[in-house]
Structure formats: structure tokens, C-alpha cells
Amino acid sequence: MWKRNSKGKFSICSVLGLVCSLCLIGSGIFCLVKFPSMFHDILQKELTISEGSAAYQAWKKPSIPTKIRFFLFSVKNPQEVVYGGKPHLQEIGPFVFREELERVEDEFRDDGTVSFKTRKVWYPIEEESESMDAMVTSLDVPQFAAAESVRGKWGEYGMSLTLSWRDSLFITRPVRKWLFEGFADSLMSAGAMFAPKTDMPMDKFGWFYGRNGSTWSDGVIRMSTGVLDYNTLGDIVSWKGTNRTQYPGPCGQIKGSATGFLPIDVNRQYIDYFSPDICRSIRFDKTGSWDHNGLPVTRFAVNATATFGNATTNPENVCYNANLAAGVHNSTGCKDEGILPVFVSLPHFLDADPVYLDQFEAGSLNPDPDRHSAAMIMQDNTSIPIQIQMRLQIIMHIRRNVNMGKNFDKLRDTFLPLMWFDADASTTPEIENQVWILVHMVDIVSKVGVGMLAVGILAFLAVVIFISRRFLRGNQMKTEKPVHEKGSPDELEPL
């Protein structure tokens, strides 16, 4: 009985050993062969913008902490500038805000696109900011806009009479008025009566007046979700219902990433990011790669000489009205009917032609790549941004107009920077840990697979060897005959 039970237990153990070893071998092969492609497909699906995907949540309401810092330029010698002198500028700031962004009214379409509006809310961080009551002397934009609206037209004489009572082309206001609160002006009220109907508030002037918490500024954007074609993920399709801006030719064609979401491409050489604020895409060129906390990353930065270059430094820019010294982009007509001569550049004219710095008194501007460059750091394997630094400077082109009276007839031709901003979004250690897992998941599973395969093969060999030995021993015992010793009790004759 015991022998039969022993043989049964041996058979069960042998079968279990073989099954377990084969399972380990199969699992190891799956981890090494099938899992990488399966994980890639799952990751790619989760990175597309569709309701329920991981990317959708990050796109809908980004969790990456974002700060925006505003700096204003105060003109220290306003009357000298009015009479033709060089401006002496003083930078005032920073004024720091925490930015919360949400994409609202999103509507998904069957063609693989989604349309949406963007709501931005800014919360002041007082402990990191200068006082919002600081006084800044800057260009009287309502007066300047009124003068520019009639430049070269029959209405110049009438407008010069209207503006003659103003003492200067520059006014002094607290920072809070220049940024968000705005200030009333009779010219704004008069202009609102004749301006086309718009969502932009016209009762006051302030750089961001009426924008905090609103959705009108960026308009309706339509972009590719990547669901039908992953390689088009994030590409802008239309803005405000059209695929063109005010620029002629190829420059007017809307292109680039609408929100910074990009398909995975480890060989990417540049990123085009469409900015509604300047009605064009901004190119970030690859500048270097390295490891950041165990993550392979690549930096892309704005080269002002190329991105904001002229027809000489970048021939593709010729249709952007790029007839100036390199480093400044002509954004006139982006936010109005082409009245205000608005230009943009990197802060302090970083990487621009030196002619721009020569317009000002010594010490007014000090371009510094660490403080004034614009760049993105992207994780190579996932195209997830690790850090985004968007920095731009707003400029007005002031110039002489002898028909507009005392505040305009002696002006020096100057590209006058009024303010610049620094929007910085950086991942937290928690987010980077999650990205690290995504990046190294295939390597981790592959190593586990190698271990399982090795253990499975060894276990399989051990079970086979054990079964073989047991089988050979059993056969040997069957072939052996019993041997009786002489003089055993069975062979003794009775007395």
C-alpha cells in the first residue's frame, strides 16, 4: 500500500514540477517577446487624447505646477524720449502668480479632432512678488493706439487736436492697473463705440484686463487627438474657425502643436508650438540630450536669430514681414485690425541683432540666457514635458509723426519693450517617478522575464533529471533476482 501511495505522490509531484517549470518558461518568453510590443501599444493608446485615457486627464486640467512671472519696464526719462532721446529703462518685478489651466467646452469629432476653449486662472503669490502698488511709467497705449489708427489718413489733424491736451506720451500707474485691474480712459470709451463687437472688454486698458478666469483670449482651437493617426497627436487643425492667420503665403498656414502634446519620436529635431498670442508657431530647436534623474531627456530652445529671424538669417520668414534686423517678430494685426505696431522677441532682446540694444541708454537691458531663454525639456521615450519655460517680450514700435503734435513729432524710431513674462511649468518628483516607471517598465519586465526563463529551464531540467533517475532505479530493481544465504532457517532439516 505504501509503495502505491509513494508512486502516486511521485507522479503528482513530477507533473506539478513540469507544469510549473513550463509556466515559468512560457512567462519568461512572454515578458521578453510579447510584452514590449503590447506595452508600447497600450502606452500609445493612453497617450492619445480620448475621454478616459491618461493623457486626456493631463490635457483637460494639467497637474504640473505652473508659475508665471511678469516684469514691466519703467521709462526713467519720459520727457527726453518725447523730445527724441534714448529711453532709459528700469525693469520692475517679478510679479508672480500661480497659473491653473483648464480646457473647457471640449467637443470630440468623428474625424479624430477635438475643439475646445482654454480657461486660465492666475492666483497671486505675494511672498515671491514685488508690491503690486509699485509705480511704473510706460507708454500711454490708448493715446498711442489713437494716433496710430489715423497715421497717414485724413483724420490725423482732428486726432492731433484731440490729443493735444495730453502732457506726455507716457503715463505712470501702479502695476496692478497695468496688469489685471486696468485703468479707464476716455479714448477707450470713444473707441469702443466704433470698434467691432468682441468679447474683449473695451472700457479699460490693462495687459491682462478681463482675461483672468475667462476663455475669450485664446479663442476656439481644434486639434488632432491622435486616435485615428497617432503621428498627428496634438497638431493644430484650426483656430477661430480657420486654418490661416493674417500672414500671407506659407506663414499664414496654421501649424504646430496646439497644446504641447506630441507623438513619441526619439529622433525629433525640433518642436513647433502654435501661440495664439502672436498668431504663429514658435520653433524650438534641439540643443542637447542628457539623463535627468534616470530619465533620458532632450532640450529644445528658441533660437531668436532663426525663429524670429529676417529674410537673411531665415529665408522661410520672409512672409512674416521680416524686413527688420533679426531677433524680433512682427505681430502687428494679430490682436486688432493692424492698428498697433506690436512686435515680440525674447526678453531683453536675447540673441537678437545688437542694434536693438543700442536704442537704449547703457544699463537699460542685460540679456542673460539663464533668465531670458525659452526652452522645453522633453522626456525622450514618452514625449512628456519635464519642464517648459515660455518667455516672451512685448514691444511697441514708436516712431515720429509730425502731423500728430508735440508728443509725436520728435520721437526717435524705437522698438520699445513694455513688459515680458516667464511662464515656468516643471514636473514634481512624484510625476517623475511615474514617468520613470513608464520608461523603464519594459526593461524591468525583461529582466524579470530573463529570471523566470532561467529558473524555469533549471527547474525543468531538474524535474527531468529527477524523473529519469527514479525511472532507471525502478527498472534496475525489477531486473535484480533475490539471493538466499546457505544455512538459513528455511534450509535446515528437522531433527
Protein backbone atom coordinates (compact mmCIF):
# COMPACT_ATOMS: atom_id res chain seq x y z
CA MET A 1 0.00 0.00 0.00
CA TRP A 2 2.76 2.39 0.96
CA LYS A 3 4.60 1.77 -2.30
CA ARG A 4 1.49 2.52 -4.33
CA ASN A 5 0.95 5.79 -2.41
CA SER A 6 4.59 6.69 -2.85
CA LYS A 7 4.40 6.15 -6.59
CA GLY A 8 1.22 8.26 -6.80
CA LYS A 9 2.75 11.14 -4.88
CA PHE A 10 5.84 10.93 -7.05
CA SER A 11 3.75 11.13 -10.22
CA ILE A 12 1.78 14.14 -8.95
CA CYS A 13 4.93 15.98 -7.86
CA SER A 14 6.58 15.25 -11.18
CA VAL A 15 3.63 16.56 -13.16
CA LEU A 16 3.39 19.66 -10.98
CA GLY A 17 7.11 20.28 -11.34
CA LEU A 18 6.91 20.02 -15.12
CA VAL A 19 3.85 22.27 -15.30
CA CYS A 20 5.40 24.93 -13.04
CA SER A 21 8.68 24.93 -14.92
CA LEU A 22 6.91 25.18 -18.29
CA CYS A 23 4.77 28.06 -16.93
CA LEU A 24 7.91 29.88 -15.86
CA ILE A 25 9.48 29.30 -19.28
CA GLY A 26 6.31 30.49 -21.05
CA SER A 27 6.03 33.56 -18.83
CA GLY A 28 9.67 34.41 -19.42
CA ILE A 29 9.25 34.16 -23.19
CA PHE A 30 6.11 36.35 -22.98
CA CYS A 31 7.98 39.00 -20.99
CA LEU A 32 10.85 39.04 -23.46
CA VAL A 33 9.00 38.69 -26.76
CA LYS A 34 5.39 39.80 -26.48
CA PHE A 35 5.27 42.29 -23.60
CA PRO A 36 7.38 45.11 -25.21
CA SER A 37 5.09 45.46 -28.23
CA MET A 38 1.96 45.06 -26.10
CA PHE A 39 3.14 47.71 -23.63
CA HIS A 40 4.03 50.06 -26.50
CA ASP A 41 0.51 49.72 -27.93
CA ILE A 42 -1.10 50.31 -24.53
CA LEU A 43 1.15 53.31 -23.84
CA GLN A 44 0.44 54.82 -27.24
CA LYS A 45 -3.30 54.43 -26.68
CA GLU A 46 -3.09 56.04 -23.23
CA LEU A 47 -1.12 58.97 -24.68
CA THR A 48 -3.83 59.87 -27.20
CA ILE A 49 -6.46 62.45 -26.28
CA SER A 50 -9.67 60.49 -25.79
CA GLU A 51 -12.14 60.50 -22.94
CA GLY A 52 -10.94 58.07 -20.29
CA SER A 53 -7.29 57.95 -21.37
CA ALA A 54 -4.49 59.01 -19.04
CA ALA A 55 -3.46 61.76 -21.47
CA TYR A 56 -6.99 63.19 -21.51
CA GLN A 57 -6.85 63.94 -17.79
CA ALA A 58 -3.45 65.63 -18.16
CA TRP A 59 -4.72 67.58 -21.18
CA LYS A 60 -8.04 68.57 -19.65
CA LYS A 61 -6.60 70.00 -16.44
CA PRO A 62 -2.79 69.75 -16.22
CA SER A 63 -1.45 68.86 -12.80
CA ILE A 64 2.09 70.12 -13.45
CA PRO A 65 2.64 73.16 -11.20
CA THR A 66 2.91 76.34 -13.26
CA LYS A 67 4.09 79.79 -12.26
CA ILE A 68 4.02 82.91 -14.38
CA ARG A 69 6.21 85.91 -13.60
CA PHE A 70 5.57 89.35 -15.07
CA PHE A 71 8.20 92.08 -15.46
CA LEU A 72 7.42 95.62 -16.56
CA PHE A 73 9.77 98.26 -17.96
CA SER A 74 9.53 101.73 -16.48
CA VAL A 75 10.82 104.63 -18.55
CA LYS A 76 13.00 106.80 -16.31
CA ASN A 77 13.28 109.74 -18.74
CA PRO A 78 9.87 110.02 -20.45
CA GLN A 79 10.14 113.68 -21.50
CA GLU A 80 13.56 113.14 -23.02
CA VAL A 81 12.11 110.29 -25.07
CA VAL A 82 9.26 112.50 -26.29
CA TYR A 83 11.89 115.02 -27.47
CA GLY A 84 13.92 112.40 -29.31
CA GLY A 85 16.22 110.99 -26.63
CA LYS A 86 17.13 107.40 -25.98
CA PRO A 87 14.92 105.65 -23.40
CA HIS A 88 16.43 104.76 -20.04
CA LEU A 89 14.61 101.64 -18.85
CA GLN A 90 14.27 100.08 -15.41
CA GLU A 91 12.91 96.58 -15.02
CA ILE A 92 10.27 96.26 -12.28
CA GLY A 93 9.33 92.82 -10.95
CA PRO A 94 8.80 89.98 -10.66
CA PHE A 95 5.08 89.79 -10.03
CA VAL A 96 4.44 86.08 -9.52
CA PHE A 97 1.22 84.16 -10.00
CA ARG A 98 0.25 80.52 -9.82
CA GLU A 99 -1.49 79.51 -13.02
CA GLU A 100 -4.28 76.95 -13.23
CA LEU A 101 -5.30 75.95 -16.72
CA GLU A 102 -8.36 74.02 -17.83
CA ARG A 103 -9.64 73.17 -21.28
CA VAL A 104 -13.38 73.57 -21.38
CA GLU A 105 -16.29 73.09 -23.78
CA ASP A 106 -14.35 70.25 -25.42
CA GLU A 107 -16.18 68.58 -28.28
CA PHE A 108 -14.82 65.38 -29.84
CA ARG A 109 -15.49 64.69 -33.51
CA ASP A 110 -15.57 61.58 -35.65
CA ASP A 111 -12.65 62.85 -37.76
CA GLY A 112 -10.24 62.38 -34.85
CA THR A 113 -10.19 66.01 -33.70
CA VAL A 114 -11.38 67.89 -30.63
CA SER A 115 -12.34 71.56 -30.34
CA PHE A 116 -12.04 73.43 -27.05
CA LYS A 117 -11.54 76.71 -25.25
CA THR A 118 -8.89 77.43 -22.63
CA ARG A 119 -9.54 78.96 -19.24
CA LYS A 120 -6.60 80.34 -17.28
CA VAL A 121 -6.84 81.49 -13.68
CA TRP A 122 -3.97 83.33 -12.01
CA TYR A 123 -3.55 83.45 -8.23
CA PRO A 124 -1.01 85.93 -6.79
CA ILE A 125 1.95 84.61 -4.80
CA GLU A 126 2.64 87.69 -2.72
CA GLU A 127 5.63 86.29 -0.83
CA GLU A 128 7.54 85.86 -4.11
CA SER A 129 6.47 89.15 -5.68
CA GLU A 130 7.28 92.82 -5.57
CA SER A 131 4.48 95.12 -4.46
CA MET A 132 1.63 95.43 -6.96
CA ASP A 133 1.42 99.08 -5.86
CA ALA A 134 4.84 99.84 -7.37
CA MET A 135 4.56 102.73 -9.84
CA VAL A 136 5.60 102.18 -13.46
CA THR A 137 5.95 104.85 -16.14
CA SER A 138 5.17 103.36 -19.52
CA LEU A 139 3.71 104.11 -22.93
CA ASP A 140 0.20 105.58 -22.88
CA VAL A 141 -1.19 102.79 -25.06
CA PRO A 142 -4.70 104.27 -25.56
CA GLN A 143 -3.17 107.57 -26.77
CA PHE A 144 -0.61 105.72 -28.91
CA ALA A 145 -3.33 103.49 -30.45
CA ALA A 146 -5.49 106.51 -31.26
CA ALA A 147 -2.59 108.18 -33.06
CA GLU A 148 -1.64 105.04 -34.97
CA SER A 149 -5.26 104.46 -36.06
CA VAL A 150 -5.15 107.60 -38.23
CA ARG A 151 -1.49 107.52 -39.32
CA GLY A 152 -1.33 108.64 -42.95
CA LYS A 153 -5.10 109.26 -43.09
CA TRP A 154 -7.22 112.37 -43.37
CA GLY A 155 -8.18 112.12 -39.69
CA GLU A 156 -4.71 112.98 -38.43
CA TYR A 157 -5.47 116.67 -37.96
CA GLY A 158 -8.62 116.05 -35.92
CA MET A 159 -6.91 113.44 -33.78
CA SER A 160 -3.94 115.74 -33.14
CA LEU A 161 -6.37 118.29 -31.68
CA THR A 162 -7.95 115.61 -29.51
CA LEU A 163 -4.56 114.50 -28.15
CA SER A 164 -3.05 117.98 -27.78
CA TRP A 165 -4.22 118.33 -24.18
CA ARG A 166 -2.18 115.31 -23.08
CA ASP A 167 1.08 116.32 -21.45
CA SER A 168 3.15 113.30 -22.47
CA LEU A 169 3.13 110.06 -24.42
CA PHE A 170 3.95 108.30 -21.15
CA ILE A 171 1.83 107.84 -18.03
CA THR A 172 2.51 106.50 -14.54
CA ARG A 173 0.24 103.87 -13.00
CA PRO A 174 0.59 101.15 -10.32
CA VAL A 175 1.48 97.67 -11.54
CA ARG A 176 -1.93 96.30 -10.57
CA LYS A 177 -3.52 98.72 -13.05
CA TRP A 178 -1.08 97.86 -15.84
CA LEU A 179 -1.60 94.10 -15.41
CA PHE A 180 -5.08 92.97 -14.34
CA GLU A 181 -7.20 95.80 -12.94
CA GLY A 182 -6.87 98.12 -15.92
CA PHE A 183 -7.48 101.87 -15.96
CA ALA A 184 -10.22 103.88 -17.61
CA ASP A 185 -9.51 106.28 -20.44
CA SER A 186 -11.85 108.49 -22.44
CA LEU A 187 -10.17 107.33 -25.65
CA MET A 188 -11.03 103.71 -24.77
CA SER A 189 -14.67 104.64 -24.23
CA ALA A 190 -14.82 106.53 -27.53
CA GLY A 191 -13.05 103.75 -29.41
CA ALA A 192 -15.42 101.13 -28.04
CA MET A 193 -18.31 102.90 -29.78
CA PHE A 194 -16.80 102.29 -33.21
CA ALA A 195 -14.88 99.04 -32.66
CA PRO A 196 -16.33 95.72 -33.95
CA LYS A 197 -18.20 93.74 -31.33
CA THR A 198 -15.86 91.42 -29.45
CA ASP A 199 -15.57 89.54 -26.17
CA MET A 200 -12.55 91.67 -25.24
CA PRO A 201 -13.52 94.30 -22.65
CA MET A 202 -13.03 97.82 -24.04
CA ASP A 203 -13.86 100.00 -21.04
CA LYS A 204 -10.34 99.88 -19.57
CA PHE A 205 -6.79 99.18 -20.66
CA GLY A 206 -4.60 96.60 -18.93
CA TRP A 207 -2.35 93.97 -20.43
CA PHE A 208 -4.43 91.17 -18.92
CA TYR A 209 -7.56 93.09 -18.03
CA GLY A 210 -10.59 90.81 -18.22
CA ARG A 211 -8.52 87.73 -19.00
CA ASN A 212 -8.22 86.16 -15.55
CA GLY A 213 -10.66 83.24 -15.45
CA SER A 214 -12.03 83.93 -18.95
CA THR A 215 -11.99 81.84 -22.14
CA TRP A 216 -12.15 84.51 -24.85
CA SER A 217 -8.45 85.27 -25.17
CA ASP A 218 -7.20 82.14 -26.93
CA GLY A 219 -10.42 81.52 -28.88
CA VAL A 220 -11.64 78.13 -30.07
CA ILE A 221 -8.85 75.74 -31.03
CA ARG A 222 -9.34 72.48 -32.90
CA MET A 223 -6.59 69.85 -32.74
CA SER A 224 -5.91 66.24 -33.64
CA THR A 225 -6.42 63.72 -30.84
CA GLY A 226 -4.12 61.10 -32.38
CA VAL A 227 -6.87 58.45 -32.19
CA LEU A 228 -7.09 57.90 -35.96
CA ASP A 229 -3.45 58.75 -36.70
CA TYR A 230 -1.11 58.73 -33.72
CA ASN A 231 1.56 60.68 -35.62
CA THR A 232 -0.76 63.72 -35.76
CA LEU A 233 -1.30 63.82 -31.97
CA GLY A 234 -1.62 67.42 -30.76
CA ASP A 235 -1.40 69.04 -34.22
CA ILE A 236 -3.50 72.19 -34.51
CA VAL A 237 -6.15 71.94 -37.24
CA SER A 238 -7.89 75.31 -36.95
CA TRP A 239 -8.07 78.40 -34.76
CA LYS A 240 -11.17 80.60 -34.51
CA GLY A 241 -12.73 78.53 -37.26
CA THR A 242 -9.99 78.91 -39.86
CA ASN A 243 -6.68 77.29 -40.72
CA ARG A 244 -4.98 80.58 -41.61
CA THR A 245 -3.80 83.73 -39.83
CA GLN A 246 -3.27 87.26 -41.16
CA TYR A 247 0.10 86.44 -42.74
CA PRO A 248 0.37 85.74 -46.48
CA GLY A 249 1.67 82.55 -48.10
CA PRO A 250 3.01 79.64 -46.05
CA CYS A 251 3.47 81.88 -42.99
CA GLY A 252 -0.29 82.21 -42.68
CA GLN A 253 -0.83 78.45 -42.58
CA ILE A 254 -1.65 77.32 -39.04
CA LYS A 255 0.70 74.55 -37.92
CA GLY A 256 2.44 73.06 -34.91
CA SER A 257 1.38 71.61 -31.60
CA ALA A 258 -1.75 73.20 -30.15
CA THR A 259 -1.12 72.33 -26.51
CA GLY A 260 2.35 70.78 -26.25
CA PHE A 261 1.18 67.16 -26.62
CA LEU A 262 3.38 65.32 -29.10
CA PRO A 263 3.71 61.80 -30.52
CA ILE A 264 6.71 59.79 -29.37
CA ASP A 265 9.71 60.42 -31.62
CA VAL A 266 13.17 59.82 -30.16
CA ASN A 267 14.73 61.34 -33.31
CA ARG A 268 12.82 64.64 -33.13
CA GLN A 269 14.95 67.63 -34.13
CA TYR A 270 12.55 70.48 -33.40
CA ILE A 271 9.14 71.35 -31.96
CA ASP A 272 6.71 73.85 -33.48
CA TYR A 273 4.35 75.27 -30.85
CA PHE A 274 1.43 77.40 -32.02
CA SER A 275 0.91 80.54 -29.92
CA PRO A 276 -2.45 82.35 -30.19
CA ASP A 277 -0.81 85.39 -28.57
CA ILE A 278 1.35 86.05 -31.63
CA CYS A 279 -0.69 84.21 -34.31
CA ARG A 280 2.09 81.86 -35.38
CA SER A 281 4.05 78.82 -34.34
CA ILE A 282 7.27 79.21 -32.36
CA ARG A 283 10.05 76.82 -33.28
CA PHE A 284 12.14 75.18 -30.56
CA ASP A 285 15.30 73.56 -31.97
CA LYS A 286 17.07 70.59 -30.36
CA THR A 287 20.09 71.74 -28.38
CA GLY A 288 21.19 68.71 -26.32
CA SER A 289 20.32 65.47 -24.52
CA TRP A 290 21.21 64.02 -21.12
CA ASP A 291 19.89 61.92 -18.23
CA HIS A 292 17.67 63.66 -15.69
CA ASN A 293 17.02 61.60 -12.54
CA GLY A 294 17.37 58.40 -14.53
CA LEU A 295 15.24 59.71 -17.43
CA PRO A 296 16.68 60.37 -20.90
CA VAL A 297 15.62 63.91 -21.83
CA THR A 298 16.19 66.38 -24.67
CA ARG A 299 16.18 70.17 -24.55
CA PHE A 300 14.60 72.25 -27.31
CA ALA A 301 15.16 76.01 -27.28
CA VAL A 302 14.18 79.08 -29.28
CA ASN A 303 16.97 80.42 -31.44
CA ALA A 304 15.80 84.00 -31.91
CA THR A 305 18.02 84.57 -34.93
CA ALA A 306 16.21 81.75 -36.73
CA THR A 307 12.72 81.62 -35.19
CA PHE A 308 12.38 85.40 -35.21
CA GLY A 309 14.88 85.84 -37.99
CA ASN A 310 14.67 88.03 -41.08
CA ALA A 311 14.89 87.02 -44.72
CA THR A 312 18.68 86.74 -44.42
CA THR A 313 19.01 84.64 -41.25
CA ASN A 314 15.91 82.55 -42.05
CA PRO A 315 14.55 82.87 -45.61
CA GLU A 316 11.36 81.00 -44.62
CA ASN A 317 10.38 84.01 -42.51
CA VAL A 318 10.12 86.42 -45.43
CA CYS A 319 6.31 86.23 -45.43
CA TYR A 320 6.20 87.31 -41.76
CA ASN A 321 7.05 90.83 -42.92
CA ALA A 322 10.56 90.06 -41.68
CA ASN A 323 12.30 93.13 -43.06
CA LEU A 324 13.95 94.14 -39.79
CA ALA A 325 17.17 93.25 -38.04
CA ALA A 326 17.00 89.62 -36.85
CA GLY A 327 15.57 88.64 -33.48
CA VAL A 328 12.20 90.44 -33.49
CA HIS A 329 8.89 89.15 -34.84
CA ASN A 330 6.27 91.44 -36.38
CA SER A 331 2.98 90.55 -34.67
CA THR A 332 1.02 93.54 -35.99
CA GLY A 333 -2.59 92.62 -36.77
CA CYS A 334 -2.71 89.58 -34.54
CA LYS A 335 -5.00 91.06 -31.87
CA ASP A 336 -6.51 94.02 -33.76
CA GLU A 337 -7.04 95.31 -37.27
CA GLY A 338 -3.38 96.13 -37.66
CA ILE A 339 -3.53 99.41 -35.78
CA LEU A 340 -0.90 98.84 -33.10
CA PRO A 341 2.64 98.06 -34.35
CA VAL A 342 3.21 95.17 -31.94
CA PHE A 343 6.39 93.09 -32.00
CA VAL A 344 7.73 90.26 -29.85
CA SER A 345 11.18 88.92 -29.02
CA LEU A 346 12.95 87.04 -26.31
CA PRO A 347 13.27 89.16 -23.12
CA HIS A 348 15.91 91.90 -23.21
CA PHE A 349 16.35 91.14 -26.94
CA LEU A 350 18.29 87.96 -26.15
CA ASP A 351 20.10 86.62 -29.25
CA ALA A 352 18.73 89.49 -31.35
CA ASP A 353 20.79 91.84 -33.51
CA PRO A 354 22.82 94.25 -31.29
CA VAL A 355 21.12 97.19 -32.99
CA TYR A 356 18.15 96.74 -30.67
CA LEU A 357 20.22 97.18 -27.51
CA ASP A 358 21.84 100.29 -28.98
CA GLN A 359 18.43 102.03 -28.93
CA PHE A 360 18.60 102.50 -25.14
CA GLU A 361 20.73 104.14 -22.52
CA ALA A 362 23.53 101.95 -21.18
CA GLY A 363 22.42 99.53 -18.47
CA SER A 364 18.77 99.52 -19.53
CA LEU A 365 18.81 95.94 -20.79
CA ASN A 366 21.01 92.98 -19.90
CA PRO A 367 20.21 89.83 -21.90
CA ASP A 368 21.01 86.66 -19.96
CA PRO A 369 20.45 83.15 -21.42
CA ASP A 370 19.70 81.72 -17.97
CA ARG A 371 16.92 84.23 -17.30
CA HIS A 372 15.64 85.08 -20.75
CA SER A 373 15.79 81.99 -22.98
CA ALA A 374 12.69 79.99 -23.93
CA ALA A 375 13.01 76.20 -23.85
CA MET A 376 11.28 72.85 -23.40
CA ILE A 377 12.78 69.73 -21.85
CA MET A 378 11.02 66.60 -23.13
CA GLN A 379 11.32 63.01 -21.96
CA ASP A 380 12.50 61.03 -24.99
CA ASN A 381 10.55 57.78 -24.59
CA THR A 382 7.16 59.30 -23.80
CA SER A 383 7.33 62.90 -25.14
CA ILE A 384 6.09 64.02 -21.73
CA PRO A 385 7.37 67.54 -20.88
CA ILE A 386 9.67 67.68 -17.87
CA GLN A 387 10.00 71.45 -17.94
CA ILE A 388 8.58 74.25 -20.08
CA GLN A 389 9.95 77.79 -19.96
CA MET A 390 7.98 80.14 -22.20
CA ARG A 391 9.44 83.64 -22.16
CA LEU A 392 8.42 86.45 -24.49
CA GLN A 393 8.76 90.21 -24.55
CA ILE A 394 6.04 92.60 -25.80
CA ILE A 395 7.30 95.54 -27.85
CA MET A 396 5.73 98.64 -29.38
CA HIS A 397 7.35 100.32 -32.34
CA ILE A 398 7.22 104.05 -31.60
CA ARG A 399 8.11 106.44 -34.41
CA ARG A 400 7.83 110.07 -35.39
CA ASN A 401 4.62 111.54 -36.81
CA VAL A 402 4.95 115.26 -37.50
CA ASN A 403 1.20 115.56 -38.07
CA MET A 404 0.24 114.41 -34.57
CA GLY A 405 1.58 117.23 -32.45
CA LYS A 406 4.06 117.64 -29.62
CA ASN A 407 4.00 114.10 -28.23
CA PHE A 408 4.85 112.52 -31.59
CA ASP A 409 6.72 114.95 -33.83
CA LYS A 410 10.20 114.40 -32.33
CA LEU A 411 10.16 110.72 -31.41
CA ARG A 412 13.18 108.57 -32.16
CA ASP A 413 12.39 105.38 -34.12
CA THR A 414 12.48 102.81 -31.28
CA PHE A 415 11.33 99.27 -30.63
CA LEU A 416 10.27 99.90 -27.05
CA PRO A 417 9.85 96.84 -24.78
CA LEU A 418 6.94 97.33 -22.39
CA MET A 419 6.88 94.06 -20.47
CA TRP A 420 7.93 90.41 -20.55
CA PHE A 421 6.66 87.25 -18.94
CA ASP A 422 8.19 83.99 -17.76
CA ALA A 423 5.83 81.00 -17.66
CA ASP A 424 7.52 78.04 -15.97
CA ALA A 425 5.98 74.56 -15.63
CA SER A 426 8.07 71.79 -14.07
CA THR A 427 7.22 68.23 -13.08
CA THR A 428 7.22 67.21 -9.41
CA PRO A 429 9.28 64.26 -8.06
CA GLU A 430 6.05 62.24 -7.83
CA ILE A 431 5.27 62.80 -11.51
CA GLU A 432 8.86 62.00 -12.49
CA ASN A 433 8.66 58.72 -10.53
CA GLN A 434 5.57 57.77 -12.53
CA VAL A 435 7.31 58.65 -15.78
CA TRP A 436 10.36 56.65 -14.66
CA ILE A 437 8.18 53.57 -14.24
CA LEU A 438 6.73 54.04 -17.74
CA VAL A 439 10.17 54.50 -19.25
CA HIS A 440 11.77 51.52 -17.51
CA MET A 441 8.78 49.18 -17.42
CA VAL A 442 9.93 47.16 -20.46
CA ASP A 443 13.47 46.82 -19.04
CA ILE A 444 12.13 45.77 -15.65
CA VAL A 445 9.76 43.20 -17.14
CA SER A 446 12.50 41.95 -19.49
CA LYS A 447 14.84 41.36 -16.57
CA VAL A 448 12.07 39.56 -14.70
CA GLY A 449 11.47 37.54 -17.86
CA VAL A 450 15.12 36.53 -18.07
CA GLY A 451 14.99 35.43 -14.44
CA MET A 452 11.78 33.46 -14.94
CA LEU A 453 13.16 31.84 -18.09
CA ALA A 454 16.38 30.84 -16.34
CA VAL A 455 14.58 29.48 -13.28
CA GLY A 456 12.06 27.69 -15.47
CA ILE A 457 14.72 26.00 -17.58
CA LEU A 458 16.69 24.94 -14.50
CA ALA A 459 13.54 23.66 -12.81
CA PHE A 460 12.53 21.77 -15.94
CA LEU A 461 15.96 20.14 -16.22
CA ALA A 462 15.91 19.28 -12.52
CA VAL A 463 12.50 17.60 -12.78
CA VAL A 464 13.52 15.68 -15.92
CA ILE A 465 16.74 14.50 -14.28
CA PHE A 466 14.88 13.52 -11.13
CA ILE A 467 12.24 11.57 -13.10
CA SER A 468 14.91 9.88 -15.21
CA ARG A 469 16.86 8.72 -12.18
CA ARG A 470 13.74 7.43 -10.47
CA PHE A 471 12.73 5.59 -13.61
CA LEU A 472 16.16 4.00 -14.04
CA ARG A 473 16.26 2.94 -10.39
CA GLY A 474 12.86 1.30 -10.70
CA ASN A 475 13.91 -0.66 -13.75
CA GLN A 476 17.07 -1.79 -12.02
CA MET A 477 15.18 -3.14 -9.01
CA LYS A 478 12.86 -5.12 -11.25
CA THR A 479 15.72 -6.93 -13.03
CA GLU A 480 17.57 -7.97 -9.83
CA LYS A 481 16.88 -11.62 -8.56
CA PRO A 482 16.65 -12.49 -4.77
CA VAL A 483 19.73 -14.34 -3.25
CA HIS A 484 19.35 -16.77 -0.23
CA GLU A 485 22.30 -17.45 2.14
CA LYS A 486 23.33 -21.03 2.97
CA GLY A 487 22.31 -22.32 6.37
CA SER A 488 19.29 -20.19 6.52
CA PRO A 489 16.48 -21.49 8.79
CA ASP A 490 14.39 -22.42 5.74
CA GLU A 491 17.02 -24.98 4.56
CA LEU A 492 17.59 -26.80 7.90
CA GLU A 493 16.26 -30.31 8.15
CA PRO A 494 14.22 -31.23 11.17
CA LEU A 495 15.87 -33.31 13.87
